[in-house]
């Protein structure tokens, strides 16, 4: 093997190794980040209602590019304490929920269109908790809860309430703050 071929082979191996290290660093960085979204939202674990992280208008927030027409609130959950029940009353303003794992992946999203009689209730649980809930329920009276299985035991929920005009900003903020986030003991 000539010197040029060995040099090309060594360069190729070096580039492949460097690319692998960069990809690994990018994929593992969220697991080790201390100021990630879950870290900032984690103090809401004890709260019974969603906490505003960006009011309409985008003032006083840590979000990089807040939507000036949306009230954004969040609450964290830890399923080792039990299933999390998220409940909201819907109204004239658009409302959406997105459920995220601790590492940031979205695993479920829903809008106010799924509400029944103006109420939207979702129970987030682990697969084991779902099995236990199904085993304990009456076959003649099935649960009406929307149950979703979280891929991780810790995560957070983001609620967005959109105010199409500035006169509705206060109403949007009140709707976002009114979302209930509790540990469910009924399941």
C-alpha atoms as a PDB file:
ATOM      1  CA  UNK A   1       0.000   0.000   0.000  1.00  0.00           C
ATOM      2  CA  UNK A   2       1.453   3.313  -1.017  1.00  0.00           C
ATOM      3  CA  UNK A   3       1.933   6.299   1.250  1.00  0.00           C
ATOM      4  CA  UNK A   4      -0.854   8.233  -0.534  1.00  0.00           C
ATOM      5  CA  UNK A   5      -3.364   5.378  -0.088  1.00  0.00           C
ATOM      6  CA  UNK A   6      -2.518   5.106   3.633  1.00  0.00           C
ATOM      7  CA  UNK A   7      -2.901   8.862   4.022  1.00  0.00           C
ATOM      8  CA  UNK A   8      -6.320   8.797   2.282  1.00  0.00           C
ATOM      9  CA  UNK A   9      -7.446   5.840   4.401  1.00  0.00           C
ATOM     10  CA  UNK A  10      -6.305   7.553   7.634  1.00  0.00           C
ATOM     11  CA  UNK A  11      -8.076  10.783   6.611  1.00  0.00           C
ATOM     12  CA  UNK A  12     -11.280   8.899   5.790  1.00  0.00           C
ATOM     13  CA  UNK A  13     -11.198   7.025   9.116  1.00  0.00           C
ATOM     14  CA  UNK A  14     -10.564  10.321  10.966  1.00  0.00           C
ATOM     15  CA  UNK A  15     -13.510  12.046   9.263  1.00  0.00           C
ATOM     16  CA  UNK A  16     -15.839   9.116  10.021  1.00  0.00           C
ATOM     17  CA  UNK A  17     -14.710   9.063  13.672  1.00  0.00           C
ATOM     18  CA  UNK A  18     -15.153  12.841  14.010  1.00  0.00           C
ATOM     19  CA  UNK A  19     -18.628  12.657  12.477  1.00  0.00           C
ATOM     20  CA  UNK A  20     -19.572   9.851  14.884  1.00  0.00           C
ATOM     21  CA  UNK A  21     -18.356  11.806  17.908  1.00  0.00           C
ATOM     22  CA  UNK A  22     -20.267  14.922  16.815  1.00  0.00           C
ATOM     23  CA  UNK A  23     -23.489  12.986  16.235  1.00  0.00           C
ATOM     24  CA  UNK A  24     -23.155  11.260  19.620  1.00  0.00           C
ATOM     25  CA  UNK A  25     -22.558  14.600  21.353  1.00  0.00           C
ATOM     26  CA  UNK A  26     -25.613  16.162  19.719  1.00  0.00           C
ATOM     27  CA  UNK A  27     -27.862  13.230  20.614  1.00  0.00           C
ATOM     28  CA  UNK A  28     -26.725  12.976  24.248  1.00  0.00           C
ATOM     29  CA  UNK A  29     -26.593  16.715  25.046  1.00  0.00           C
ATOM     30  CA  UNK A  30     -30.316  16.994  26.005  1.00  0.00           C
ATOM     31  CA  UNK A  31     -29.914  14.272  28.650  1.00  0.00           C
ATOM     32  CA  UNK A  32     -27.181  16.227  30.434  1.00  0.00           C
ATOM     33  CA  UNK A  33     -28.474  19.779  29.995  1.00  0.00           C
ATOM     34  CA  UNK A  34     -29.290  21.473  33.300  1.00  0.00           C
ATOM     35  CA  UNK A  35     -31.253  24.446  31.966  1.00  0.00           C
ATOM     36  CA  UNK A  36     -33.542  22.466  29.687  1.00  0.00           C
ATOM     37  CA  UNK A  37     -37.304  22.992  29.530  1.00  0.00           C
ATOM     38  CA  UNK A  38     -38.036  20.325  32.155  1.00  0.00           C
ATOM     39  CA  UNK A  39     -35.506  21.865  34.518  1.00  0.00           C
ATOM     40  CA  UNK A  40     -37.191  25.255  34.225  1.00  0.00           C
ATOM     41  CA  UNK A  41     -40.690  23.800  34.583  1.00  0.00           C
ATOM     42  CA  UNK A  42     -39.838  21.329  37.385  1.00  0.00           C
ATOM     43  CA  UNK A  43     -40.859  23.765  40.189  1.00  0.00           C
ATOM     44  CA  UNK A  44     -44.471  23.384  38.945  1.00  0.00           C
ATOM     45  CA  UNK A  45     -44.547  19.753  40.200  1.00  0.00           C
ATOM     46  CA  UNK A  46     -46.133  20.916  43.459  1.00  0.00           C
ATOM     47  CA  UNK A  47     -48.608  23.321  41.822  1.00  0.00           C
ATOM     48  CA  UNK A  48     -52.200  22.289  41.225  1.00  0.00           C
ATOM     49  CA  UNK A  49     -52.617  24.596  38.237  1.00  0.00           C
ATOM     50  CA  UNK A  50     -50.511  25.335  35.186  1.00  0.00           C
ATOM     51  CA  UNK A  51     -48.007  28.153  35.688  1.00  0.00           C
ATOM     52  CA  UNK A  52     -47.606  30.925  33.093  1.00  0.00           C
ATOM     53  CA  UNK A  53     -44.259  30.802  31.322  1.00  0.00           C
ATOM     54  CA  UNK A  54     -45.150  33.356  28.645  1.00  0.00           C
ATOM     55  CA  UNK A  55     -48.018  35.814  28.921  1.00  0.00           C
ATOM     56  CA  UNK A  56     -49.641  37.231  25.787  1.00  0.00           C
ATOM     57  CA  UNK A  57     -47.360  39.920  24.474  1.00  0.00           C
ATOM     58  CA  UNK A  58     -44.241  37.887  25.233  1.00  0.00           C
ATOM     59  CA  UNK A  59     -43.008  39.850  28.256  1.00  0.00           C
ATOM     60  CA  UNK A  60     -41.076  38.282  31.166  1.00  0.00           C
ATOM     61  CA  UNK A  61     -40.349  34.884  29.666  1.00  0.00           C
ATOM     62  CA  UNK A  62     -37.387  32.606  29.105  1.00  0.00           C
ATOM     63  CA  UNK A  63     -38.777  31.418  25.770  1.00  0.00           C
ATOM     64  CA  UNK A  64     -36.474  32.508  22.922  1.00  0.00           C
ATOM     65  CA  UNK A  65     -39.218  33.662  20.526  1.00  0.00           C
ATOM     66  CA  UNK A  66     -42.550  33.949  22.367  1.00  0.00           C
ATOM     67  CA  UNK A  67     -45.791  34.228  20.441  1.00  0.00           C
ATOM     68  CA  UNK A  68     -47.282  37.657  21.239  1.00  0.00           C
ATOM     69  CA  UNK A  69     -50.820  36.344  20.720  1.00  0.00           C
ATOM     70  CA  UNK A  70     -50.593  33.277  22.983  1.00  0.00           C
ATOM     71  CA  UNK A  71     -50.619  32.623  26.690  1.00  0.00           C
ATOM     72  CA  UNK A  72     -48.302  29.689  27.363  1.00  0.00           C
ATOM     73  CA  UNK A  73     -48.483  27.790  30.647  1.00  0.00           C
ATOM     74  CA  UNK A  74     -46.907  24.547  31.813  1.00  0.00           C
ATOM     75  CA  UNK A  75     -46.936  21.966  34.528  1.00  0.00           C
ATOM     76  CA  UNK A  76     -44.539  19.119  35.187  1.00  0.00           C
ATOM     77  CA  UNK A  77     -45.557  15.616  36.211  1.00  0.00           C
ATOM     78  CA  UNK A  78     -43.855  12.687  37.881  1.00  0.00           C
ATOM     79  CA  UNK A  79     -45.767   9.479  37.268  1.00  0.00           C
ATOM     80  CA  UNK A  80     -43.986   7.674  40.097  1.00  0.00           C
ATOM     81  CA  UNK A  81     -46.342   9.662  42.387  1.00  0.00           C
ATOM     82  CA  UNK A  82     -49.349   8.373  40.427  1.00  0.00           C
ATOM     83  CA  UNK A  83     -51.121   9.231  37.175  1.00  0.00           C
ATOM     84  CA  UNK A  84     -51.399  12.928  36.289  1.00  0.00           C
ATOM     85  CA  UNK A  85     -54.844  14.380  35.557  1.00  0.00           C
ATOM     86  CA  UNK A  86     -54.889  17.453  33.312  1.00  0.00           C
ATOM     87  CA  UNK A  87     -58.244  19.220  33.080  1.00  0.00           C
ATOM     88  CA  UNK A  88     -59.416  22.386  31.363  1.00  0.00           C
ATOM     89  CA  UNK A  89     -62.643  24.131  30.512  1.00  0.00           C
ATOM     90  CA  UNK A  90     -62.778  25.239  26.919  1.00  0.00           C
ATOM     91  CA  UNK A  91     -64.302  28.441  25.617  1.00  0.00           C
ATOM     92  CA  UNK A  92     -64.189  30.717  22.617  1.00  0.00           C
ATOM     93  CA  UNK A  93     -60.384  30.908  22.517  1.00  0.00           C
ATOM     94  CA  UNK A  94     -58.255  28.234  20.833  1.00  0.00           C
ATOM     95  CA  UNK A  95     -56.592  25.956  23.389  1.00  0.00           C
ATOM     96  CA  UNK A  96     -54.021  23.234  22.773  1.00  0.00           C
ATOM     97  CA  UNK A  97     -52.063  20.806  24.922  1.00  0.00           C
ATOM     98  CA  UNK A  98     -48.759  19.166  24.088  1.00  0.00           C
ATOM     99  CA  UNK A  99     -47.200  16.508  26.293  1.00  0.00           C
ATOM    100  CA  UNK A 100     -43.410  16.172  26.379  1.00  0.00           C
ATOM    101  CA  UNK A 101     -40.953  13.717  27.870  1.00  0.00           C
ATOM    102  CA  UNK A 102     -38.251  14.997  30.215  1.00  0.00           C
ATOM    103  CA  UNK A 103     -35.776  14.889  27.349  1.00  0.00           C
ATOM    104  CA  UNK A 104     -38.062  17.035  25.200  1.00  0.00           C
ATOM    105  CA  UNK A 105     -39.791  14.683  22.799  1.00  0.00           C
ATOM    106  CA  UNK A 106     -43.491  15.341  22.164  1.00  0.00           C
ATOM    107  CA  UNK A 107     -45.509  12.173  22.712  1.00  0.00           C
ATOM    108  CA  UNK A 108     -49.078  13.496  22.525  1.00  0.00           C
ATOM    109  CA  UNK A 109     -50.918  16.642  21.446  1.00  0.00           C
ATOM    110  CA  UNK A 110     -54.579  17.602  21.460  1.00  0.00           C
ATOM    111  CA  UNK A 111     -56.691  20.721  20.906  1.00  0.00           C
ATOM    112  CA  UNK A 112     -59.955  21.989  22.346  1.00  0.00           C
ATOM    113  CA  UNK A 113     -61.788  20.228  19.500  1.00  0.00           C
ATOM    114  CA  UNK A 114     -61.549  17.023  21.571  1.00  0.00           C
ATOM    115  CA  UNK A 115     -63.536  18.570  24.441  1.00  0.00           C
ATOM    116  CA  UNK A 116     -66.804  17.016  25.515  1.00  0.00           C
ATOM    117  CA  UNK A 117     -69.421  19.498  26.783  1.00  0.00           C
ATOM    118  CA  UNK A 118     -66.784  22.199  27.174  1.00  0.00           C
ATOM    119  CA  UNK A 119     -64.427  20.096  29.278  1.00  0.00           C
ATOM    120  CA  UNK A 120     -61.177  18.400  28.335  1.00  0.00           C
ATOM    121  CA  UNK A 121     -59.718  15.848  30.763  1.00  0.00           C
ATOM    122  CA  UNK A 122     -56.624  13.779  30.101  1.00  0.00           C
ATOM    123  CA  UNK A 123     -54.959  11.258  32.389  1.00  0.00           C
ATOM    124  CA  UNK A 124     -51.250  10.652  31.749  1.00  0.00           C
ATOM    125  CA  UNK A 125     -49.946   7.341  33.050  1.00  0.00           C
ATOM    126  CA  UNK A 126     -47.347   4.637  32.650  1.00  0.00           C
ATOM    127  CA  UNK A 127     -48.205   1.371  30.904  1.00  0.00           C
ATOM    128  CA  UNK A 128     -48.302  -0.405  34.274  1.00  0.00           C
ATOM    129  CA  UNK A 129     -50.698   2.194  35.724  1.00  0.00           C
ATOM    130  CA  UNK A 130     -52.939   1.773  32.689  1.00  0.00           C
ATOM    131  CA  UNK A 131     -53.020  -1.998  33.185  1.00  0.00           C
ATOM    132  CA  UNK A 132     -53.888  -1.522  36.878  1.00  0.00           C
ATOM    133  CA  UNK A 133     -56.623   0.986  36.009  1.00  0.00           C
ATOM    134  CA  UNK A 134     -58.149  -1.370  33.454  1.00  0.00           C
ATOM    135  CA  UNK A 135     -58.030  -4.292  35.887  1.00  0.00           C
ATOM    136  CA  UNK A 136     -59.784  -2.275  38.576  1.00  0.00           C
ATOM    137  CA  UNK A 137     -62.582  -0.764  36.502  1.00  0.00           C
ATOM    138  CA  UNK A 138     -66.136  -2.039  36.277  1.00  0.00           C
ATOM    139  CA  UNK A 139     -66.896  -3.639  32.891  1.00  0.00           C
ATOM    140  CA  UNK A 140     -70.454  -2.285  33.026  1.00  0.00           C
ATOM    141  CA  UNK A 141     -69.222   1.258  33.644  1.00  0.00           C
ATOM    142  CA  UNK A 142     -66.054   1.937  31.587  1.00  0.00           C
ATOM    143  CA  UNK A 143     -63.947   5.000  32.236  1.00  0.00           C
ATOM    144  CA  UNK A 144     -64.619   8.124  30.173  1.00  0.00           C
ATOM    145  CA  UNK A 145     -61.118   9.490  30.724  1.00  0.00           C
ATOM    146  CA  UNK A 146     -58.796  10.090  27.816  1.00  0.00           C
ATOM    147  CA  UNK A 147     -55.822   8.020  28.914  1.00  0.00           C
ATOM    148  CA  UNK A 148     -52.404   8.417  27.382  1.00  0.00           C
ATOM    149  CA  UNK A 149     -49.307   6.379  28.119  1.00  0.00           C
ATOM    150  CA  UNK A 150     -46.114   8.353  28.651  1.00  0.00           C
ATOM    151  CA  UNK A 151     -42.856   6.805  27.440  1.00  0.00           C
ATOM    152  CA  UNK A 152     -41.018   8.172  30.525  1.00  0.00           C
ATOM    153  CA  UNK A 153     -42.158   8.644  34.107  1.00  0.00           C
ATOM    154  CA  UNK A 154     -41.230  12.337  34.203  1.00  0.00           C
ATOM    155  CA  UNK A 155     -42.348  14.970  31.753  1.00  0.00           C
ATOM    156  CA  UNK A 156     -44.325  18.144  31.295  1.00  0.00           C
ATOM    157  CA  UNK A 157     -47.420  19.537  29.628  1.00  0.00           C
ATOM    158  CA  UNK A 158     -47.593  22.822  27.728  1.00  0.00           C
ATOM    159  CA  UNK A 159     -50.927  24.576  27.227  1.00  0.00           C
ATOM    160  CA  UNK A 160     -51.317  27.361  24.691  1.00  0.00           C
ATOM    161  CA  UNK A 161     -54.342  29.668  24.610  1.00  0.00           C
ATOM    162  CA  UNK A 162     -54.450  31.990  21.629  1.00  0.00           C
ATOM    163  CA  UNK A 163     -55.946  35.474  21.861  1.00  0.00           C
ATOM    164  CA  UNK A 164     -56.596  36.785  18.342  1.00  0.00           C
ATOM    165  CA  UNK A 165     -56.908  40.391  19.566  1.00  0.00           C
ATOM    166  CA  UNK A 166     -55.092  42.284  22.315  1.00  0.00           C
ATOM    167  CA  UNK A 167     -58.386  42.861  24.148  1.00  0.00           C
ATOM    168  CA  UNK A 168     -58.557  39.087  24.786  1.00  0.00           C
ATOM    169  CA  UNK A 169     -55.036  38.765  26.261  1.00  0.00           C
ATOM    170  CA  UNK A 170     -56.261  38.770  29.875  1.00  0.00           C
ATOM    171  CA  UNK A 171     -58.910  36.160  29.095  1.00  0.00           C
ATOM    172  CA  UNK A 172     -56.304  33.932  27.414  1.00  0.00           C
ATOM    173  CA  UNK A 173     -53.985  34.202  30.408  1.00  0.00           C
ATOM    174  CA  UNK A 174     -56.810  33.336  32.821  1.00  0.00           C
ATOM    175  CA  UNK A 175     -57.772  30.291  30.720  1.00  0.00           C
ATOM    176  CA  UNK A 176     -54.164  29.058  30.677  1.00  0.00           C
ATOM    177  CA  UNK A 177     -53.781  29.525  34.449  1.00  0.00           C
ATOM    178  CA  UNK A 178     -57.069  27.702  35.099  1.00  0.00           C
ATOM    179  CA  UNK A 179     -55.778  24.394  33.686  1.00  0.00           C
ATOM    180  CA  UNK A 180     -55.678  21.890  36.534  1.00  0.00           C
ATOM    181  CA  UNK A 181     -52.668  19.562  36.947  1.00  0.00           C
ATOM    182  CA  UNK A 182     -53.104  17.070  39.777  1.00  0.00           C
ATOM    183  CA  UNK A 183     -52.084  13.570  40.789  1.00  0.00           C
ATOM    184  CA  UNK A 184     -55.058  11.352  39.992  1.00  0.00           C
ATOM    185  CA  UNK A 185     -56.218   9.129  42.799  1.00  0.00           C
ATOM    186  CA  UNK A 186     -59.382   7.946  41.086  1.00  0.00           C
ATOM    187  CA  UNK A 187     -57.619   5.710  38.573  1.00  0.00           C
END
